[in-house]
Structure formats: C-alpha cells, structure tokens
Amino acid sequence: MPTKGSAKAAGDNLPVYANEGTEIPARGQAIIGTGIAIGLSHNTIGQIAPRSSLVAKHQVMTNTAVIDADYSGEVRGVLANLGDKS
C-alpha cells in the first residue's frame, strides 16, 4: 500500500513497494510494476516523480510520468540506474 514519507509529504511513496525483483544494469533502465491500480477523479492526473533520497542513496532516478484519469491498469514506473553498478 502506498504511504506518505512524512506527515507533510505531498505525495505517496510507490517505488519502495515494487512487486517484482529486477536488476537494473549500470547506466540502464527498467520498467517496474507496483502491483497497484488507482482510480482518479475526472480531470485529474496522477504523477510519478523522482525522489532525491533514491538518487542520493542508490543512484536510481525515477523518470517522471503522468497517469491519466482514464487509465485503469497497474501503475508502473521507469527507473534509471545512474550509477556504475547494477
């Protein structure tokens, strides 16, 4: 289940809850499933955005993505490994 990182966090954390084990090669990227689907109100969007702590600790960047209100599938994100190790 998505959770807030703190009481004042604007968004919920998804990448922590990836539901599949995937090794991202050095300087590569992979599409990672979360195992969840969301329902959005008409004329709204969901957004996947990078977290500075993920980059600072693991050299992994979450590419920004928009989830439209009419999308009903699994929320997936593209993670890019900026480091020299898988």
C-alpha atoms as a PDB file:
ATOM      1  CA  MET A   1       0.000   0.000   0.000  1.00  0.00           C
ATOM      2  CA  PRO A   2       1.392   3.460  -0.847  1.00  0.00           C
ATOM      3  CA  THR A   3       2.405   5.515   2.173  1.00  0.00           C
ATOM      4  CA  LYS A   4       3.458   9.055   2.985  1.00  0.00           C
ATOM      5  CA  GLY A   5       7.140   9.534   3.838  1.00  0.00           C
ATOM      6  CA  SER A   6       6.203  12.109   6.487  1.00  0.00           C
ATOM      7  CA  ALA A   7       3.148  13.910   7.847  1.00  0.00           C
ATOM      8  CA  LYS A   8       3.735  16.870   5.487  1.00  0.00           C
ATOM      9  CA  ALA A   9       4.586  14.856   2.354  1.00  0.00           C
ATOM     10  CA  ALA A  10       2.653  15.963  -0.729  1.00  0.00           C
ATOM     11  CA  GLY A  11       2.660  12.548  -2.381  1.00  0.00           C
ATOM     12  CA  ASP A  12       2.740   8.851  -1.576  1.00  0.00           C
ATOM     13  CA  ASN A  13       5.796   6.621  -1.977  1.00  0.00           C
ATOM     14  CA  LEU A  14       5.423   3.915  -4.642  1.00  0.00           C
ATOM     15  CA  PRO A  15       8.916   2.748  -5.725  1.00  0.00           C
ATOM     16  CA  VAL A  16       9.609   1.261  -2.300  1.00  0.00           C
ATOM     17  CA  TYR A  17       6.786  -1.160  -2.970  1.00  0.00           C
ATOM     18  CA  ALA A  18       7.893  -2.569  -6.332  1.00  0.00           C
ATOM     19  CA  ASN A  19       6.333  -6.002  -6.621  1.00  0.00           C
ATOM     20  CA  GLU A  20       8.994  -7.611  -8.774  1.00  0.00           C
ATOM     21  CA  GLY A  21      12.700  -8.207  -8.367  1.00  0.00           C
ATOM     22  CA  THR A  22      14.512  -6.551 -11.246  1.00  0.00           C
ATOM     23  CA  GLU A  23      18.199  -5.803 -11.579  1.00  0.00           C
ATOM     24  CA  ILE A  24      18.810  -2.548 -13.401  1.00  0.00           C
ATOM     25  CA  PRO A  25      22.140  -2.631 -15.221  1.00  0.00           C
ATOM     26  CA  ALA A  26      24.657   0.158 -14.710  1.00  0.00           C
ATOM     27  CA  ARG A  27      23.607   3.170 -16.810  1.00  0.00           C
ATOM     28  CA  GLY A  28      20.464   1.249 -17.845  1.00  0.00           C
ATOM     29  CA  GLN A  29      16.763   1.437 -17.106  1.00  0.00           C
ATOM     30  CA  ALA A  30      13.820  -0.859 -16.431  1.00  0.00           C
ATOM     31  CA  ILE A  31      10.038  -0.651 -16.161  1.00  0.00           C
ATOM     32  CA  ILE A  32       8.979  -1.674 -12.650  1.00  0.00           C
ATOM     33  CA  GLY A  33       5.462  -2.684 -11.620  1.00  0.00           C
ATOM     34  CA  THR A  34       3.977  -1.630  -8.298  1.00  0.00           C
ATOM     35  CA  GLY A  35       1.195  -4.201  -8.073  1.00  0.00           C
ATOM     36  CA  ILE A  36      -1.409  -1.477  -7.552  1.00  0.00           C
ATOM     37  CA  ALA A  37      -4.007   0.309  -9.652  1.00  0.00           C
ATOM     38  CA  ILE A  38      -5.568   3.644  -8.750  1.00  0.00           C
ATOM     39  CA  GLY A  39      -8.836   5.369  -9.541  1.00  0.00           C
ATOM     40  CA  LEU A  40      -8.634   9.076 -10.290  1.00  0.00           C
ATOM     41  CA  SER A  41     -11.374  11.670 -10.463  1.00  0.00           C
ATOM     42  CA  HIS A  42     -12.343  13.136 -13.843  1.00  0.00           C
ATOM     43  CA  ASN A  43      -9.983  15.935 -14.993  1.00  0.00           C
ATOM     44  CA  THR A  44      -7.190  14.912 -12.616  1.00  0.00           C
ATOM     45  CA  ILE A  45      -3.858  13.156 -13.075  1.00  0.00           C
ATOM     46  CA  GLY A  46      -1.532  11.070 -11.000  1.00  0.00           C
ATOM     47  CA  GLN A  47       2.185  11.710 -11.284  1.00  0.00           C
ATOM     48  CA  ILE A  48       5.268   9.609 -10.688  1.00  0.00           C
ATOM     49  CA  ALA A  49       8.127  11.919  -9.766  1.00  0.00           C
ATOM     50  CA  PRO A  50      11.748  11.405  -8.729  1.00  0.00           C
ATOM     51  CA  ARG A  51      12.750  11.386  -5.065  1.00  0.00           C
ATOM     52  CA  SER A  52      16.085  12.952  -4.173  1.00  0.00           C
ATOM     53  CA  SER A  53      16.742  10.326  -1.487  1.00  0.00           C
ATOM     54  CA  LEU A  54      16.515   7.471  -4.025  1.00  0.00           C
ATOM     55  CA  VAL A  55      19.132   9.148  -6.207  1.00  0.00           C
ATOM     56  CA  ALA A  56      21.388  10.124  -3.312  1.00  0.00           C
ATOM     57  CA  LYS A  57      21.339   6.687  -1.643  1.00  0.00           C
ATOM     58  CA  HIS A  58      21.180   4.347  -4.634  1.00  0.00           C
ATOM     59  CA  GLN A  59      21.935   6.398  -7.783  1.00  0.00           C
ATOM     60  CA  VAL A  60      18.500   5.394  -9.122  1.00  0.00           C
ATOM     61  CA  MET A  61      16.279   8.026 -10.746  1.00  0.00           C
ATOM     62  CA  THR A  62      12.537   7.620 -11.209  1.00  0.00           C
ATOM     63  CA  ASN A  63      11.541   9.110 -14.543  1.00  0.00           C
ATOM     64  CA  THR A  64       8.592  11.481 -14.346  1.00  0.00           C
ATOM     65  CA  ALA A  65       5.325  10.035 -15.653  1.00  0.00           C
ATOM     66  CA  VAL A  66       1.695  11.108 -15.859  1.00  0.00           C
ATOM     67  CA  ILE A  67      -1.214   8.771 -15.086  1.00  0.00           C
ATOM     68  CA  ASP A  68      -4.421   9.905 -16.782  1.00  0.00           C
ATOM     69  CA  ALA A  69      -7.781   9.598 -15.039  1.00  0.00           C
ATOM     70  CA  ASP A  70      -8.997   7.040 -17.584  1.00  0.00           C
ATOM     71  CA  TYR A  71      -6.039   4.682 -17.079  1.00  0.00           C
ATOM     72  CA  SER A  72      -7.124   1.596 -15.159  1.00  0.00           C
ATOM     73  CA  GLY A  73      -4.101  -0.705 -15.337  1.00  0.00           C
ATOM     74  CA  GLU A  74      -1.229  -1.387 -12.983  1.00  0.00           C
ATOM     75  CA  VAL A  75       0.845   1.656 -12.064  1.00  0.00           C
ATOM     76  CA  ARG A  76       4.343   1.095 -13.450  1.00  0.00           C
ATOM     77  CA  GLY A  77       7.379   3.345 -13.419  1.00  0.00           C
ATOM     78  CA  VAL A  78      10.624   3.649 -15.334  1.00  0.00           C
ATOM     79  CA  LEU A  79      13.688   3.551 -13.089  1.00  0.00           C
ATOM     80  CA  ALA A  80      17.069   4.613 -14.472  1.00  0.00           C
ATOM     81  CA  ASN A  81      20.327   3.490 -12.848  1.00  0.00           C
ATOM     82  CA  LEU A  82      22.723   6.434 -12.964  1.00  0.00           C
ATOM     83  CA  GLY A  83      25.493   4.505 -11.201  1.00  0.00           C
ATOM     84  CA  ASP A  84      28.341   2.288 -12.332  1.00  0.00           C
ATOM     85  CA  LYS A  85      26.975  -0.857 -10.632  1.00  0.00           C
ATOM     86  CA  SER A  86      23.876  -2.974 -11.311  1.00  0.00           C
END
